[in-house]
Structures are given as C-alpha cells and as structure tokens.
Amino acid sequence: MSRSALLLPKASVTVHVRNLVARGFVRRETDEADLRRHRLVLTVEGTRARDRALAALAAEYDRRLARVIPRTVSSCGAFST
C-alpha cells in the first residue's frame, strides 16, 4: 500500500514507522537494487501484536453483533447461518 493510498503526509508516515521500529514491531531492510528504498518487515513481536489486535477487534465485533436482533441479522443475508 502506498503512502498516498493512506492519505497521510510523508512526515506522519515517517513518525509512525519510527515508532513501530522502536517498539520492535517492524524492522527496516535496505533494498539492494535501490539503496534509497526500504522494505518494512514484520517481526515476531509485530506478528504477535497484530494477532492480539485482530483478536480484540473480532471479540468486540462479536459482542456488538450479539446485540443485534436475530431477525435483523437473518435479513442481512451475509450473516445468516
């Protein structure tokens, strides 16, 4: 995904990447074909953090979906079992 697709200024992306590197979630690898470019690689700790975040989002989604009236859920089609 490109920076422009995120609609963030370059400086903001730089700050976020530096924070992720400082926390050990990603590491930078220099692109040997173009030394001006870097590849960001998710670390083991980054993978764990991502998995925890996805689990928290899924739990919250399930909690909110449980409050929906079953008739409404079945009328959505995509959520019917």
C-alpha atoms as a PDB file:
ATOM      1  CA  MET A   1       0.000   0.000   0.000  1.00  0.00           C
ATOM      2  CA  SER A   2       1.412   3.364  -0.914  1.00  0.00           C
ATOM      3  CA  ARG A   3       1.629   6.403   1.330  1.00  0.00           C
ATOM      4  CA  SER A   4      -0.750   8.266  -0.985  1.00  0.00           C
ATOM      5  CA  ALA A   5      -3.329   5.487  -0.616  1.00  0.00           C
ATOM      6  CA  LEU A   6      -3.285   6.105   3.139  1.00  0.00           C
ATOM      7  CA  LEU A   7      -3.821   9.856   2.635  1.00  0.00           C
ATOM      8  CA  LEU A   8      -1.107  10.644   5.181  1.00  0.00           C
ATOM      9  CA  PRO A   9       1.668  13.197   4.866  1.00  0.00           C
ATOM     10  CA  LYS A  10       5.192  11.786   4.450  1.00  0.00           C
ATOM     11  CA  ALA A  11       6.251  13.152   7.822  1.00  0.00           C
ATOM     12  CA  SER A  12       3.417  11.313   9.577  1.00  0.00           C
ATOM     13  CA  VAL A  13       4.307   8.037   7.893  1.00  0.00           C
ATOM     14  CA  THR A  14       7.932   8.507   8.951  1.00  0.00           C
ATOM     15  CA  VAL A  15       6.909   9.087  12.580  1.00  0.00           C
ATOM     16  CA  HIS A  16       4.659   6.024  12.616  1.00  0.00           C
ATOM     17  CA  VAL A  17       7.327   3.808  11.048  1.00  0.00           C
ATOM     18  CA  ARG A  18       9.964   5.038  13.522  1.00  0.00           C
ATOM     19  CA  ASN A  19       7.589   4.258  16.409  1.00  0.00           C
ATOM     20  CA  LEU A  20       6.937   0.750  15.078  1.00  0.00           C
ATOM     21  CA  VAL A  21      10.679   0.144  14.682  1.00  0.00           C
ATOM     22  CA  ALA A  22      11.374   1.496  18.192  1.00  0.00           C
ATOM     23  CA  ARG A  23       8.776  -0.861  19.660  1.00  0.00           C
ATOM     24  CA  GLY A  24      10.270  -3.796  17.775  1.00  0.00           C
ATOM     25  CA  PHE A  25       7.166  -4.461  15.667  1.00  0.00           C
ATOM     26  CA  VAL A  26       8.891  -3.955  12.306  1.00  0.00           C
ATOM     27  CA  ARG A  27      12.435  -3.766  11.007  1.00  0.00           C
ATOM     28  CA  ARG A  28      13.755  -1.899   8.002  1.00  0.00           C
ATOM     29  CA  GLU A  29      15.667  -3.698   5.295  1.00  0.00           C
ATOM     30  CA  THR A  30      17.516  -1.750   2.629  1.00  0.00           C
ATOM     31  CA  ASP A  31      16.541  -2.563  -0.949  1.00  0.00           C
ATOM     32  CA  GLU A  32      19.815  -3.660  -2.565  1.00  0.00           C
ATOM     33  CA  ALA A  33      18.531  -2.616  -6.002  1.00  0.00           C
ATOM     34  CA  ASP A  34      17.845   0.945  -4.826  1.00  0.00           C
ATOM     35  CA  LEU A  35      19.596   1.996  -1.622  1.00  0.00           C
ATOM     36  CA  ARG A  36      17.150   4.892  -1.173  1.00  0.00           C
ATOM     37  CA  ARG A  37      14.288   2.436  -0.622  1.00  0.00           C
ATOM     38  CA  HIS A  38      13.489   0.340   2.433  1.00  0.00           C
ATOM     39  CA  ARG A  39      11.328  -2.700   2.929  1.00  0.00           C
ATOM     40  CA  LEU A  40       9.440  -2.974   6.208  1.00  0.00           C
ATOM     41  CA  VAL A  41       9.343  -6.491   7.638  1.00  0.00           C
ATOM     42  CA  LEU A  42       7.001  -7.532  10.424  1.00  0.00           C
ATOM     43  CA  THR A  43       8.925  -9.027  13.361  1.00  0.00           C
ATOM     44  CA  VAL A  44       7.781 -11.891  15.572  1.00  0.00           C
ATOM     45  CA  GLU A  45       6.672  -9.361  18.185  1.00  0.00           C
ATOM     46  CA  GLY A  46       4.888  -7.383  15.453  1.00  0.00           C
ATOM     47  CA  THR A  47       3.068 -10.531  14.383  1.00  0.00           C
ATOM     48  CA  ARG A  48       2.000 -11.167  17.984  1.00  0.00           C
ATOM     49  CA  ALA A  49       0.785  -7.578  18.367  1.00  0.00           C
ATOM     50  CA  ARG A  50      -1.150  -7.802  15.091  1.00  0.00           C
ATOM     51  CA  ASP A  51      -2.759 -11.072  16.166  1.00  0.00           C
ATOM     52  CA  ARG A  52      -3.743  -9.620  19.561  1.00  0.00           C
ATOM     53  CA  ALA A  53      -5.247  -6.556  17.866  1.00  0.00           C
ATOM     54  CA  LEU A  54      -7.222  -8.688  15.403  1.00  0.00           C
ATOM     55  CA  ALA A  55      -8.494 -10.893  18.235  1.00  0.00           C
ATOM     56  CA  ALA A  56      -9.600  -7.814  20.205  1.00  0.00           C
ATOM     57  CA  LEU A  57     -11.389  -6.414  17.152  1.00  0.00           C
ATOM     58  CA  ALA A  58     -13.102  -9.758  16.491  1.00  0.00           C
ATOM     59  CA  ALA A  59     -14.226 -10.025  20.127  1.00  0.00           C
ATOM     60  CA  GLU A  60     -15.660  -6.508  20.041  1.00  0.00           C
ATOM     61  CA  TYR A  61     -17.371  -7.204  16.715  1.00  0.00           C
ATOM     62  CA  ASP A  62     -18.917 -10.384  18.143  1.00  0.00           C
ATOM     63  CA  ARG A  63     -20.030  -8.524  21.283  1.00  0.00           C
ATOM     64  CA  ARG A  64     -21.771  -5.855  19.216  1.00  0.00           C
ATOM     65  CA  LEU A  65     -23.266  -8.339  16.767  1.00  0.00           C
ATOM     66  CA  ALA A  66     -24.764 -10.266  19.706  1.00  0.00           C
ATOM     67  CA  ARG A  67     -26.887  -7.180  20.490  1.00  0.00           C
ATOM     68  CA  VAL A  68     -28.470  -7.195  17.031  1.00  0.00           C
ATOM     69  CA  ILE A  69     -31.946  -8.681  16.795  1.00  0.00           C
ATOM     70  CA  PRO A  70     -31.727 -12.146  15.144  1.00  0.00           C
ATOM     71  CA  ARG A  71     -34.410 -11.170  12.596  1.00  0.00           C
ATOM     72  CA  THR A  72     -32.208  -8.251  11.512  1.00  0.00           C
ATOM     73  CA  VAL A  73     -29.165 -10.497  11.194  1.00  0.00           C
ATOM     74  CA  SER A  74     -31.029 -13.009   9.014  1.00  0.00           C
ATOM     75  CA  SER A  75     -32.362 -10.242   6.791  1.00  0.00           C
ATOM     76  CA  CYS A  76     -28.768  -9.148   6.058  1.00  0.00           C
ATOM     77  CA  GLY A  77     -28.124 -12.453   4.309  1.00  0.00           C
ATOM     78  CA  ALA A  78     -24.349 -12.334   4.686  1.00  0.00           C
ATOM     79  CA  PHE A  79     -24.574 -13.044   8.410  1.00  0.00           C
ATOM     80  CA  SER A  80     -27.214 -15.737   8.334  1.00  0.00           C
ATOM     81  CA  THR A  81     -26.205 -19.228   9.442  1.00  0.00           C
END
